[in-house]
């Protein structure tokens, strides 16, 4: 998962039954111009809300977590 902003939430029901959104990524760049952020159309079902900024919760061994690493969010397991 990569952080992004929704640019356009209009869907064309004649084109596809699944709702699609135009997003601009915060950490990924365009293949055509590396000075511009990557934009693409994705299915709305693939969108996740932004995580909380901080958590006071402690983690225990074997907890399943999402961690921000190398420009994106990755699923992992807490190990001791």
C-alpha atoms as a PDB file:
ATOM      1  CA  UNK A   1       0.000   0.000   0.000  1.00  0.00           C
ATOM      2  CA  UNK A   2       1.317   3.449  -0.904  1.00  0.00           C
ATOM      3  CA  UNK A   3       0.141   6.852   0.396  1.00  0.00           C
ATOM      4  CA  UNK A   4      -1.939   8.742  -2.166  1.00  0.00           C
ATOM      5  CA  UNK A   5      -4.506  11.500  -2.604  1.00  0.00           C
ATOM      6  CA  UNK A   6      -7.778  11.024  -4.476  1.00  0.00           C
ATOM      7  CA  UNK A   7      -7.864  13.484  -7.391  1.00  0.00           C
ATOM      8  CA  UNK A   8     -11.161  12.478  -8.967  1.00  0.00           C
ATOM      9  CA  UNK A   9     -13.895  10.277  -7.573  1.00  0.00           C
ATOM     10  CA  UNK A  10     -16.232  10.419 -10.561  1.00  0.00           C
ATOM     11  CA  UNK A  11     -17.031   7.017 -11.959  1.00  0.00           C
ATOM     12  CA  UNK A  12     -18.424   6.155 -15.335  1.00  0.00           C
ATOM     13  CA  UNK A  13     -21.085   3.459 -14.760  1.00  0.00           C
ATOM     14  CA  UNK A  14     -21.301   2.692 -18.487  1.00  0.00           C
ATOM     15  CA  UNK A  15     -17.590   1.879 -18.654  1.00  0.00           C
ATOM     16  CA  UNK A  16     -17.318  -0.375 -15.651  1.00  0.00           C
ATOM     17  CA  UNK A  17     -19.600  -1.561 -12.876  1.00  0.00           C
ATOM     18  CA  UNK A  18     -16.811  -1.152 -10.330  1.00  0.00           C
ATOM     19  CA  UNK A  19     -16.221   2.368  -9.053  1.00  0.00           C
ATOM     20  CA  UNK A  20     -12.806   3.730 -10.044  1.00  0.00           C
ATOM     21  CA  UNK A  21     -10.826   6.622  -8.593  1.00  0.00           C
ATOM     22  CA  UNK A  22      -7.971   8.702  -9.964  1.00  0.00           C
ATOM     23  CA  UNK A  23      -5.181   8.885  -7.353  1.00  0.00           C
ATOM     24  CA  UNK A  24      -1.826  10.658  -7.101  1.00  0.00           C
ATOM     25  CA  UNK A  25       0.818   8.859  -5.053  1.00  0.00           C
ATOM     26  CA  UNK A  26       2.928  10.716  -2.479  1.00  0.00           C
ATOM     27  CA  UNK A  27       6.017   8.498  -2.749  1.00  0.00           C
ATOM     28  CA  UNK A  28       5.892   6.968  -6.250  1.00  0.00           C
ATOM     29  CA  UNK A  29       6.965   8.821  -9.398  1.00  0.00           C
ATOM     30  CA  UNK A  30       5.817   8.658 -13.003  1.00  0.00           C
ATOM     31  CA  UNK A  31       7.669   6.345 -15.393  1.00  0.00           C
ATOM     32  CA  UNK A  32       7.557   9.111 -18.016  1.00  0.00           C
ATOM     33  CA  UNK A  33       8.842  11.951 -15.805  1.00  0.00           C
ATOM     34  CA  UNK A  34      10.525  11.166 -12.485  1.00  0.00           C
ATOM     35  CA  UNK A  35       9.950  14.760 -11.320  1.00  0.00           C
ATOM     36  CA  UNK A  36       6.174  14.165 -11.290  1.00  0.00           C
ATOM     37  CA  UNK A  37       4.165  11.942  -8.949  1.00  0.00           C
ATOM     38  CA  UNK A  38       2.607   8.796 -10.366  1.00  0.00           C
ATOM     39  CA  UNK A  39      -1.128   9.068 -11.045  1.00  0.00           C
ATOM     40  CA  UNK A  40      -3.353   6.144 -11.915  1.00  0.00           C
ATOM     41  CA  UNK A  41      -6.928   4.963 -11.864  1.00  0.00           C
ATOM     42  CA  UNK A  42      -7.689   2.276  -9.258  1.00  0.00           C
ATOM     43  CA  UNK A  43     -10.758   0.414  -8.061  1.00  0.00           C
ATOM     44  CA  UNK A  44     -12.293   2.106  -5.033  1.00  0.00           C
ATOM     45  CA  UNK A  45     -12.239  -1.235  -3.202  1.00  0.00           C
ATOM     46  CA  UNK A  46      -8.411  -1.034  -3.181  1.00  0.00           C
ATOM     47  CA  UNK A  47      -8.387   2.254  -1.274  1.00  0.00           C
ATOM     48  CA  UNK A  48      -7.539   2.148   2.442  1.00  0.00           C
ATOM     49  CA  UNK A  49      -7.934   4.958   4.969  1.00  0.00           C
ATOM     50  CA  UNK A  50      -4.818   6.698   6.257  1.00  0.00           C
ATOM     51  CA  UNK A  51      -3.404   5.073   9.390  1.00  0.00           C
ATOM     52  CA  UNK A  52      -3.416   6.928  12.708  1.00  0.00           C
ATOM     53  CA  UNK A  53      -0.410   9.207  13.177  1.00  0.00           C
ATOM     54  CA  UNK A  54       0.690   7.570  16.406  1.00  0.00           C
ATOM     55  CA  UNK A  55      -0.429   4.730  18.601  1.00  0.00           C
ATOM     56  CA  UNK A  56      -0.006   4.371  22.357  1.00  0.00           C
ATOM     57  CA  UNK A  57      -0.699   0.655  22.060  1.00  0.00           C
ATOM     58  CA  UNK A  58       2.096  -1.730  22.845  1.00  0.00           C
ATOM     59  CA  UNK A  59       2.773  -4.591  20.515  1.00  0.00           C
ATOM     60  CA  UNK A  60       3.271  -8.184  21.477  1.00  0.00           C
ATOM     61  CA  UNK A  61       5.185 -10.933  19.745  1.00  0.00           C
ATOM     62  CA  UNK A  62       3.243 -12.416  16.806  1.00  0.00           C
ATOM     63  CA  UNK A  63       0.983  -9.333  16.406  1.00  0.00           C
ATOM     64  CA  UNK A  64       0.203  -8.675  12.723  1.00  0.00           C
ATOM     65  CA  UNK A  65       1.041  -5.044  11.891  1.00  0.00           C
ATOM     66  CA  UNK A  66       1.365  -2.638   8.973  1.00  0.00           C
ATOM     67  CA  UNK A  67       4.646  -0.690   9.007  1.00  0.00           C
ATOM     68  CA  UNK A  68       5.819   2.174   6.797  1.00  0.00           C
ATOM     69  CA  UNK A  69       9.069   1.132   5.053  1.00  0.00           C
ATOM     70  CA  UNK A  70      10.652   1.965   1.679  1.00  0.00           C
ATOM     71  CA  UNK A  71       7.945   4.432   0.556  1.00  0.00           C
ATOM     72  CA  UNK A  72       4.950   2.222   1.382  1.00  0.00           C
ATOM     73  CA  UNK A  73       2.988   0.275   3.958  1.00  0.00           C
ATOM     74  CA  UNK A  74       3.909  -3.388   4.348  1.00  0.00           C
ATOM     75  CA  UNK A  75       2.313  -6.145   6.400  1.00  0.00           C
ATOM     76  CA  UNK A  76       4.534  -7.810   8.961  1.00  0.00           C
ATOM     77  CA  UNK A  77       4.598  -9.808  12.184  1.00  0.00           C
ATOM     78  CA  UNK A  78       6.215  -8.588  15.403  1.00  0.00           C
ATOM     79  CA  UNK A  79       9.168 -10.795  16.333  1.00  0.00           C
ATOM     80  CA  UNK A  80      11.319 -10.644  19.444  1.00  0.00           C
END
